Amino acid sequence: MAILSPPGFAQEQEEESILIESTITGDVDPSQAVTVEDLKIPVDQLELLVKPLSLEELQTEAAAWFLLLKDKAVEISTTEIAIKRENQII
């Protein structure tokens, strides 16, 4: 199975990742985030939770969510690689 993406799609993703990372500045400790306690929180409720936060607190929350996203991406990639290797063996 081949997955095709439009030209420049990978570059767009890379630029978006750089943009996200560059908005998290200073010494941010993602372990201090409070909104990641409930990963199934509806977006509208999450919006209400972050509304009163300061810029520094928002950066902490963003860093924590970014790390969760990054970990999930690594998990999915690792699984896909394992499947491809199993398929090669078969």
PDB file of N, CA and C in Angstrom:
ATOM      1  N   MET A   1       0.842  -1.172   0.000  1.00  0.00           N
ATOM      2  CA  MET A   1       0.000   0.000   0.000  1.00  0.00           C
ATOM      3  C   MET A   1       0.888   1.235   0.000  1.00  0.00           C
ATOM      4  N   ALA A   2       0.637   2.124  -0.925  1.00  0.00           N
ATOM      5  CA  ALA A   2       1.421   3.358  -1.026  1.00  0.00           C
ATOM      6  C   ALA A   2       0.564   4.533  -0.604  1.00  0.00           C
ATOM      7  N   ILE A   3       1.186   5.430   0.116  1.00  0.00           N
ATOM      8  CA  ILE A   3       0.494   6.639   0.528  1.00  0.00           C
ATOM      9  C   ILE A   3       1.160   7.802  -0.188  1.00  0.00           C
ATOM     10  N   LEU A   4       0.379   8.500  -0.983  1.00  0.00           N
ATOM     11  CA  LEU A   4       0.908   9.625  -1.738  1.00  0.00           C
ATOM     12  C   LEU A   4       0.484  10.916  -1.060  1.00  0.00           C
ATOM     13  N   SER A   5       1.384  11.868  -1.055  1.00  0.00           N
ATOM     14  CA  SER A   5       1.038  13.176  -0.501  1.00  0.00           C
ATOM     15  C   SER A   5       1.376  14.238  -1.527  1.00  0.00           C
ATOM     16  N   PRO A   6       0.693  15.355  -1.463  1.00  0.00           N
ATOM     17  CA  PRO A   6       0.962  16.411  -2.427  1.00  0.00           C
ATOM     18  C   PRO A   6       2.387  16.916  -2.315  1.00  0.00           C
ATOM     19  N   PRO A   7       2.964  17.409  -3.420  1.00  0.00           N
ATOM     20  CA  PRO A   7       4.324  17.938  -3.366  1.00  0.00           C
ATOM     21  C   PRO A   7       4.426  19.036  -2.309  1.00  0.00           C
ATOM     22  N   GLY A   8       5.491  18.992  -1.568  1.00  0.00           N
ATOM     23  CA  GLY A   8       5.718  20.013  -0.559  1.00  0.00           C
ATOM     24  C   GLY A   8       5.024  19.747   0.758  1.00  0.00           C
ATOM     25  N   PHE A   9       4.246  18.668   0.856  1.00  0.00           N
ATOM     26  CA  PHE A   9       3.501  18.376   2.082  1.00  0.00           C
ATOM     27  C   PHE A   9       4.440  18.150   3.254  1.00  0.00           C
ATOM     28  N   ALA A  10       5.494  17.374   3.049  1.00  0.00           N
ATOM     29  CA  ALA A  10       6.462  17.107   4.117  1.00  0.00           C
ATOM     30  C   ALA A  10       7.123  18.401   4.571  1.00  0.00           C
ATOM     31  N   GLN A  11       7.432  19.273   3.614  1.00  0.00           N
ATOM     32  CA  GLN A  11       8.058  20.557   3.950  1.00  0.00           C
ATOM     33  C   GLN A  11       7.101  21.413   4.776  1.00  0.00           C
ATOM     34  N   GLU A  12       5.805  21.393   4.425  1.00  0.00           N
ATOM     35  CA  GLU A  12       4.814  22.153   5.185  1.00  0.00           C
ATOM     36  C   GLU A  12       4.736  21.644   6.614  1.00  0.00           C
ATOM     37  N   GLN A  13       4.766  20.307   6.788  1.00  0.00           N
ATOM     38  CA  GLN A  13       4.715  19.733   8.124  1.00  0.00           C
ATOM     39  C   GLN A  13       5.941  20.142   8.926  1.00  0.00           C
ATOM     40  N   GLU A  14       7.102  20.126   8.299  1.00  0.00           N
ATOM     41  CA  GLU A  14       8.342  20.497   8.975  1.00  0.00           C
ATOM     42  C   GLU A  14       8.287  21.961   9.409  1.00  0.00           C
ATOM     43  N   GLU A  15       7.809  22.825   8.531  1.00  0.00           N
ATOM     44  CA  GLU A  15       7.706  24.248   8.854  1.00  0.00           C
ATOM     45  C   GLU A  15       6.727  24.467  10.002  1.00  0.00           C
ATOM     46  N   GLU A  16       5.619  23.718  10.007  1.00  0.00           N
ATOM     47  CA  GLU A  16       4.634  23.841  11.078  1.00  0.00           C
ATOM     48  C   GLU A  16       5.232  23.394  12.404  1.00  0.00           C
ATOM     49  N   SER A  17       5.999  22.305  12.384  1.00  0.00           N
ATOM     50  CA  SER A  17       6.650  21.817  13.596  1.00  0.00           C
ATOM     51  C   SER A  17       7.630  22.843  14.142  1.00  0.00           C
ATOM     52  N   ILE A  18       8.394  23.460  13.255  1.00  0.00           N
ATOM     53  CA  ILE A  18       9.348  24.484  13.673  1.00  0.00           C
ATOM     54  C   ILE A  18       8.604  25.669  14.276  1.00  0.00           C
ATOM     55  N   LEU A  19       7.489  26.049  13.669  1.00  0.00           N
ATOM     56  CA  LEU A  19       6.698  27.159  14.172  1.00  0.00           C
ATOM     57  C   LEU A  19       6.182  26.857  15.580  1.00  0.00           C
ATOM     58  N   ILE A  20       5.663  25.662  15.787  1.00  0.00           N
ATOM     59  CA  ILE A  20       5.147  25.280  17.104  1.00  0.00           C
ATOM     60  C   ILE A  20       6.269  25.296  18.123  1.00  0.00           C
ATOM     61  N   GLU A  21       7.393  24.677  17.790  1.00  0.00           N
ATOM     62  CA  GLU A  21       8.507  24.623  18.733  1.00  0.00           C
ATOM     63  C   GLU A  21       9.041  26.016  19.042  1.00  0.00           C
ATOM     64  N   SER A  22       9.042  26.903  18.067  1.00  0.00           N
ATOM     65  CA  SER A  22       9.612  28.224  18.287  1.00  0.00           C
ATOM     66  C   SER A  22       8.709  29.107  19.142  1.00  0.00           C
ATOM     67  N   THR A  23       7.438  28.734  19.295  1.00  0.00           N
ATOM     68  CA  THR A  23       6.553  29.531  20.136  1.00  0.00           C
ATOM     69  C   THR A  23       6.682  29.167  21.603  1.00  0.00           C
ATOM     70  N   ILE A  24       7.347  28.077  21.901  1.00  0.00           N
ATOM     71  CA  ILE A  24       7.566  27.654  23.282  1.00  0.00           C
ATOM     72  C   ILE A  24       8.974  28.089  23.648  1.00  0.00           C
ATOM     73  N   THR A  25       9.071  29.161  24.409  1.00  0.00           N
ATOM     74  CA  THR A  25      10.366  29.747  24.707  1.00  0.00           C
ATOM     75  C   THR A  25      10.691  29.641  26.196  1.00  0.00           C
ATOM     76  N   GLY A  26      11.959  29.845  26.491  1.00  0.00           N
ATOM     77  CA  GLY A  26      12.389  29.871  27.893  1.00  0.00           C
ATOM     78  C   GLY A  26      12.431  28.487  28.521  1.00  0.00           C
ATOM     79  N   ASP A  27      12.542  28.495  29.822  1.00  0.00           N
ATOM     80  CA  ASP A  27      12.589  27.240  30.576  1.00  0.00           C
ATOM     81  C   ASP A  27      11.169  26.804  30.922  1.00  0.00           C
ATOM     82  N   VAL A  28      10.606  25.996  30.061  1.00  0.00           N
ATOM     83  CA  VAL A  28       9.241  25.521  30.243  1.00  0.00           C
ATOM     84  C   VAL A  28       9.302  24.099  30.780  1.00  0.00           C
ATOM     85  N   ASP A  29       8.561  23.844  31.844  1.00  0.00           N
ATOM     86  CA  ASP A  29       8.515  22.514  32.444  1.00  0.00           C
ATOM     87  C   ASP A  29       7.155  21.888  32.160  1.00  0.00           C
ATOM     88  N   PRO A  30       7.071  21.019  31.135  1.00  0.00           N
ATOM     89  CA  PRO A  30       5.789  20.411  30.769  1.00  0.00           C
ATOM     90  C   PRO A  30       5.150  19.595  31.888  1.00  0.00           C
ATOM     91  N   SER A  31       5.943  19.160  32.859  1.00  0.00           N
ATOM     92  CA  SER A  31       5.368  18.372  33.956  1.00  0.00           C
ATOM     93  C   SER A  31       4.474  19.221  34.859  1.00  0.00           C
ATOM     94  N   GLN A  32       4.552  20.538  34.719  1.00  0.00           N
ATOM     95  CA  GLN A  32       3.716  21.440  35.515  1.00  0.00           C
ATOM     96  C   GLN A  32       2.340  21.683  34.870  1.00  0.00           C
ATOM     97  N   ALA A  33       2.133  21.137  33.686  1.00  0.00           N
ATOM     98  CA  ALA A  33       0.864  21.347  32.980  1.00  0.00           C
ATOM     99  C   ALA A  33      -0.283  20.666  33.709  1.00  0.00           C
ATOM    100  N   VAL A  34      -1.433  21.306  33.695  1.00  0.00           N
ATOM    101  CA  VAL A  34      -2.602  20.741  34.365  1.00  0.00           C
ATOM    102  C   VAL A  34      -3.659  20.243  33.382  1.00  0.00           C
ATOM    103  N   THR A  35      -3.659  20.761  32.157  1.00  0.00           N
ATOM    104  CA  THR A  35      -4.716  20.392  31.215  1.00  0.00           C
ATOM    105  C   THR A  35      -4.501  19.017  30.592  1.00  0.00           C
ATOM    106  N   VAL A  36      -3.340  18.422  30.746  1.00  0.00           N
ATOM    107  CA  VAL A  36      -3.084  17.117  30.132  1.00  0.00           C
ATOM    108  C   VAL A  36      -3.498  15.961  31.038  1.00  0.00           C
ATOM    109  N   GLU A  37      -4.064  16.282  32.189  1.00  0.00           N
ATOM    110  CA  GLU A  37      -4.507  15.224  33.104  1.00  0.00           C
ATOM    111  C   GLU A  37      -5.642  14.409  32.500  1.00  0.00           C
ATOM    112  N   ASP A  38      -6.503  15.053  31.720  1.00  0.00           N
ATOM    113  CA  ASP A  38      -7.619  14.378  31.056  1.00  0.00           C
ATOM    114  C   ASP A  38      -7.438  14.516  29.553  1.00  0.00           C
ATOM    115  N   LEU A  39      -6.884  13.479  28.935  1.00  0.00           N
ATOM    116  CA  LEU A  39      -6.571  13.542  27.505  1.00  0.00           C
ATOM    117  C   LEU A  39      -7.812  13.507  26.620  1.00  0.00           C
ATOM    118  N   LYS A  40      -8.954  13.150  27.179  1.00  0.00           N
ATOM    119  CA  LYS A  40     -10.187  13.083  26.393  1.00  0.00           C
ATOM    120  C   LYS A  40     -11.087  14.294  26.645  1.00  0.00           C
ATOM    121  N   ILE A  41     -10.511  15.348  27.196  1.00  0.00           N
ATOM    122  CA  ILE A  41     -11.291  16.551  27.482  1.00  0.00           C
ATOM    123  C   ILE A  41     -11.784  17.164  26.176  1.00  0.00           C
ATOM    124  N   PRO A  42     -13.056  17.520  26.102  1.00  0.00           N
ATOM    125  CA  PRO A  42     -13.563  18.169  24.889  1.00  0.00           C
ATOM    126  C   PRO A  42     -12.864  19.516  24.675  1.00  0.00           C
ATOM    127  N   VAL A  43     -12.671  19.871  23.419  1.00  0.00           N
ATOM    128  CA  VAL A  43     -11.944  21.081  23.068  1.00  0.00           C
ATOM    129  C   VAL A  43     -12.599  22.318  23.685  1.00  0.00           C
ATOM    130  N   ASP A  44     -13.931  22.372  23.695  1.00  0.00           N
ATOM    131  CA  ASP A  44     -14.588  23.555  24.255  1.00  0.00           C
ATOM    132  C   ASP A  44     -14.291  23.718  25.740  1.00  0.00           C
ATOM    133  N   GLN A  45     -14.171  22.599  26.460  1.00  0.00           N
ATOM    134  CA  GLN A  45     -13.825  22.672  27.885  1.00  0.00           C
ATOM    135  C   GLN A  45     -12.352  23.039  28.067  1.00  0.00           C
ATOM    136  N   LEU A  46     -11.507  22.522  27.199  1.00  0.00           N
ATOM    137  CA  LEU A  46     -10.083  22.863  27.248  1.00  0.00           C
ATOM    138  C   LEU A  46      -9.893  24.362  27.012  1.00  0.00           C
ATOM    139  N   GLU A  47     -10.637  24.902  26.065  1.00  0.00           N
ATOM    140  CA  GLU A  47     -10.564  26.338  25.796  1.00  0.00           C
ATOM    141  C   GLU A  47     -10.908  27.149  27.046  1.00  0.00           C
ATOM    142  N   LEU A  48     -11.907  26.697  27.781  1.00  0.00           N
ATOM    143  CA  LEU A  48     -12.299  27.403  29.011  1.00  0.00           C
ATOM    144  C   LEU A  48     -11.218  27.300  30.085  1.00  0.00           C
ATOM    145  N   LEU A  49     -10.542  26.159  30.140  1.00  0.00           N
ATOM    146  CA  LEU A  49      -9.478  25.975  31.136  1.00  0.00           C
ATOM    147  C   LEU A  49      -8.271  26.866  30.869  1.00  0.00           C
ATOM    148  N   VAL A  50      -7.939  27.071  29.602  1.00  0.00           N
ATOM    149  CA  VAL A  50      -6.731  27.837  29.285  1.00  0.00           C
ATOM    150  C   VAL A  50      -6.980  29.339  29.161  1.00  0.00           C
ATOM    151  N   LYS A  51      -8.228  29.732  29.100  1.00  0.00           N
ATOM    152  CA  LYS A  51      -8.552  31.145  28.916  1.00  0.00           C
ATOM    153  C   LYS A  51      -7.897  32.063  29.952  1.00  0.00           C
ATOM    154  N   PRO A  52      -7.944  31.730  31.239  1.00  0.00           N
ATOM    155  CA  PRO A  52      -7.375  32.650  32.233  1.00  0.00           C
ATOM    156  C   PRO A  52      -5.861  32.516  32.437  1.00  0.00           C
ATOM    157  N   LEU A  53      -5.197  31.658  31.687  1.00  0.00           N
ATOM    158  CA  LEU A  53      -3.775  31.406  31.918  1.00  0.00           C
ATOM    159  C   LEU A  53      -2.897  32.510  31.353  1.00  0.00           C
ATOM    160  N   SER A  54      -1.757  32.706  31.999  1.00  0.00           N
ATOM    161  CA  SER A  54      -0.763  33.670  31.518  1.00  0.00           C
ATOM    162  C   SER A  54      -0.014  33.069  30.333  1.00  0.00           C
ATOM    163  N   LEU A  55       0.782  33.881  29.650  1.00  0.00           N
ATOM    164  CA  LEU A  55       1.562  33.406  28.512  1.00  0.00           C
ATOM    165  C   LEU A  55       2.502  32.282  28.940  1.00  0.00           C
ATOM    166  N   GLU A  56       3.160  32.443  30.069  1.00  0.00           N
ATOM    167  CA  GLU A  56       4.083  31.409  30.563  1.00  0.00           C
ATOM    168  C   GLU A  56       3.331  30.104  30.844  1.00  0.00           C
ATOM    169  N   GLU A  57       2.166  30.202  31.455  1.00  0.00           N
ATOM    170  CA  GLU A  57       1.368  29.004  31.733  1.00  0.00           C
ATOM    171  C   GLU A  57       0.886  28.355  30.439  1.00  0.00           C
ATOM    172  N   LEU A  58       0.505  29.182  29.466  1.00  0.00           N
ATOM    173  CA  LEU A  58       0.085  28.646  28.170  1.00  0.00           C
ATOM    174  C   LEU A  58       1.231  27.914  27.474  1.00  0.00           C
ATOM    175  N   GLN A  59       2.438  28.448  27.599  1.00  0.00           N
ATOM    176  CA  GLN A  59       3.603  27.792  27.000  1.00  0.00           C
ATOM    177  C   GLN A  59       3.847  26.446  27.667  1.00  0.00           C
ATOM    178  N   THR A  60       3.652  26.376  28.966  1.00  0.00           N
ATOM    179  CA  THR A  60       3.805  25.117  29.691  1.00  0.00           C
ATOM    180  C   THR A  60       2.784  24.097  29.197  1.00  0.00           C
ATOM    181  N   GLU A  61       1.533  24.535  29.073  1.00  0.00           N
ATOM    182  CA  GLU A  61       0.479  23.641  28.590  1.00  0.00           C
ATOM    183  C   GLU A  61       0.761  23.191  27.157  1.00  0.00           C
ATOM    184  N   ALA A  62       1.160  24.133  26.309  1.00  0.00           N
ATOM    185  CA  ALA A  62       1.465  23.807  24.911  1.00  0.00           C
ATOM    186  C   ALA A  62       2.611  22.813  24.813  1.00  0.00           C
ATOM    187  N   ALA A  63       3.638  22.999  25.635  1.00  0.00           N
ATOM    188  CA  ALA A  63       4.787  22.089  25.622  1.00  0.00           C
ATOM    189  C   ALA A  63       4.357  20.684  26.025  1.00  0.00           C
ATOM    190  N   ALA A  64       3.488  20.592  27.023  1.00  0.00           N
ATOM    191  CA  ALA A  64       3.023  19.278  27.475  1.00  0.00           C
ATOM    192  C   ALA A  64       2.212  18.577  26.390  1.00  0.00           C
ATOM    193  N   TRP A  65       1.301  19.318  25.746  1.00  0.00           N
ATOM    194  CA  TRP A  65       0.505  18.724  24.666  1.00  0.00           C
ATOM    195  C   TRP A  65       1.395  18.358  23.479  1.00  0.00           C
ATOM    196  N   PHE A  66       2.391  19.190  23.188  1.00  0.00           N
ATOM    197  CA  PHE A  66       3.314  18.902  22.093  1.00  0.00           C
ATOM    198  C   PHE A  66       4.088  17.611  22.363  1.00  0.00           C
ATOM    199  N   LEU A  67       4.538  17.429  23.608  1.00  0.00           N
ATOM    200  CA  LEU A  67       5.262  16.200  23.953  1.00  0.00           C
ATOM    201  C   LEU A  67       4.366  14.969  23.828  1.00  0.00           C
ATOM    202  N   LEU A  68       3.105  15.092  24.229  1.00  0.00           N
ATOM    203  CA  LEU A  68       2.168  13.979  24.067  1.00  0.00           C
ATOM    204  C   LEU A  68       1.981  13.637  22.597  1.00  0.00           C
ATOM    205  N   LEU A  69       1.836  14.667  21.782  1.00  0.00           N
ATOM    206  CA  LEU A  69       1.672  14.466  20.337  1.00  0.00           C
ATOM    207  C   LEU A  69       2.915  13.814  19.732  1.00  0.00           C
ATOM    208  N   LYS A  70       4.070  14.301  20.147  1.00  0.00           N
ATOM    209  CA  LYS A  70       5.330  13.762  19.632  1.00  0.00           C
ATOM    210  C   LYS A  70       5.497  12.293  20.038  1.00  0.00           C
ATOM    211  N   ASP A  71       5.184  11.965  21.290  1.00  0.00           N
ATOM    212  CA  ASP A  71       5.276  10.580  21.756  1.00  0.00           C
ATOM    213  C   ASP A  71       4.337   9.667  20.976  1.00  0.00           C
ATOM    214  N   LYS A  72       3.126  10.151  20.698  1.00  0.00           N
ATOM    215  CA  LYS A  72       2.158   9.355  19.946  1.00  0.00           C
ATOM    216  C   LYS A  72       2.649   9.131  18.515  1.00  0.00           C
ATOM    217  N   ALA A  73       3.247  10.156  17.921  1.00  0.00           N
ATOM    218  CA  ALA A  73       3.786  10.027  16.568  1.00  0.00           C
ATOM    219  C   ALA A  73       4.910   8.991  16.525  1.00  0.00           C
ATOM    220  N   VAL A  74       5.769   8.994  17.538  1.00  0.00           N
ATOM    221  CA  VAL A  74       6.851   8.004  17.616  1.00  0.00           C
ATOM    222  C   VAL A  74       6.264   6.605  17.774  1.00  0.00           C
ATOM    223  N   GLU A  75       5.248   6.470  18.618  1.00  0.00           N
ATOM    224  CA  GLU A  75       4.598   5.174  18.830  1.00  0.00           C
ATOM    225  C   GLU A  75       3.997   4.646  17.532  1.00  0.00           C
ATOM    226  N   ILE A  76       3.314   5.505  16.795  1.00  0.00           N
ATOM    227  CA  ILE A  76       2.697   5.094  15.530  1.00  0.00           C
ATOM    228  C   ILE A  76       3.762   4.724  14.503  1.00  0.00           C
ATOM    229  N   SER A  77       4.818   5.521  14.409  1.00  0.00           N
ATOM    230  CA  SER A  77       5.900   5.233  13.461  1.00  0.00           C
ATOM    231  C   SER A  77       6.582   3.912  13.784  1.00  0.00           C
ATOM    232  N   THR A  78       6.829   3.674  15.054  1.00  0.00           N
ATOM    233  CA  THR A  78       7.468   2.425  15.481  1.00  0.00           C
ATOM    234  C   THR A  78       6.596   1.228  15.121  1.00  0.00           C
ATOM    235  N   THR A  79       5.293   1.362  15.335  1.00  0.00           N
ATOM    236  CA  THR A  79       4.363   0.283  14.992  1.00  0.00           C
ATOM    237  C   THR A  79       4.338   0.044  13.487  1.00  0.00           C
ATOM    238  N   GLU A  80       4.313   1.125  12.707  1.00  0.00           N
ATOM    239  CA  GLU A  80       4.301   0.985  11.249  1.00  0.00           C
ATOM    240  C   GLU A  80       5.573   0.317  10.742  1.00  0.00           C
ATOM    241  N   ILE A  81       6.714   0.665  11.336  1.00  0.00           N
ATOM    242  CA  ILE A  81       7.982   0.041  10.943  1.00  0.00           C
ATOM    243  C   ILE A  81       7.956  -1.454  11.270  1.00  0.00           C
ATOM    244  N   ALA A  82       7.446  -1.788  12.453  1.00  0.00           N
ATOM    245  CA  ALA A  82       7.356  -3.200  12.849  1.00  0.00           C
ATOM    246  C   ALA A  82       6.470  -3.980  11.884  1.00  0.00           C
ATOM    247  N   ILE A  83       5.365  -3.398  11.484  1.00  0.00           N
ATOM    248  CA  ILE A  83       4.453  -4.057  10.538  1.00  0.00           C
ATOM    249  C   ILE A  83       5.139  -4.249   9.193  1.00  0.00           C
ATOM    250  N   LYS A  84       5.832  -3.223   8.711  1.00  0.00           N
ATOM    251  CA  LYS A  84       6.541  -3.338   7.429  1.00  0.00           C
ATOM    252  C   LYS A  84       7.600  -4.443   7.484  1.00  0.00           C
ATOM    253  N   ARG A  85       8.312  -4.522   8.594  1.00  0.00           N
ATOM    254  CA  ARG A  85       9.349  -5.560   8.730  1.00  0.00           C
ATOM    255  C   ARG A  85       8.729  -6.948   8.775  1.00  0.00           C
ATOM    256  N   GLU A  86       7.586  -7.085   9.476  1.00  0.00           N
ATOM    257  CA  GLU A  86       6.895  -8.371   9.514  1.00  0.00           C
ATOM    258  C   GLU A  86       6.404  -8.765   8.139  1.00  0.00           C
ATOM    259  N   ASN A  87       5.901  -7.790   7.387  1.00  0.00           N
ATOM    260  CA  ASN A  87       5.419  -8.062   6.037  1.00  0.00           C
ATOM    261  C   ASN A  87       6.570  -8.482   5.118  1.00  0.00           C
ATOM    262  N   GLN A  88       7.761  -7.901   5.315  1.00  0.00           N
ATOM    263  CA  GLN A  88       8.916  -8.305   4.512  1.00  0.00           C
ATOM    264  C   GLN A  88       9.305  -9.730   4.803  1.00  0.00           C
ATOM    265  N   ILE A  89       9.212 -10.127   6.064  1.00  0.00           N
ATOM    266  CA  ILE A  89       9.565 -11.499   6.447  1.00  0.00           C
ATOM    267  C   ILE A  89       8.592 -12.491   5.824  1.00  0.00           C
ATOM    268  N   ILE A  90       7.318 -12.105   5.809  1.00  0.00           N
ATOM    269  CA  ILE A  90       6.269 -12.977   5.240  1.00  0.00           C
ATOM    270  C   ILE A  90       6.472 -13.069   3.752  1.00  0.00           C
TER     271      ILE A  90
END
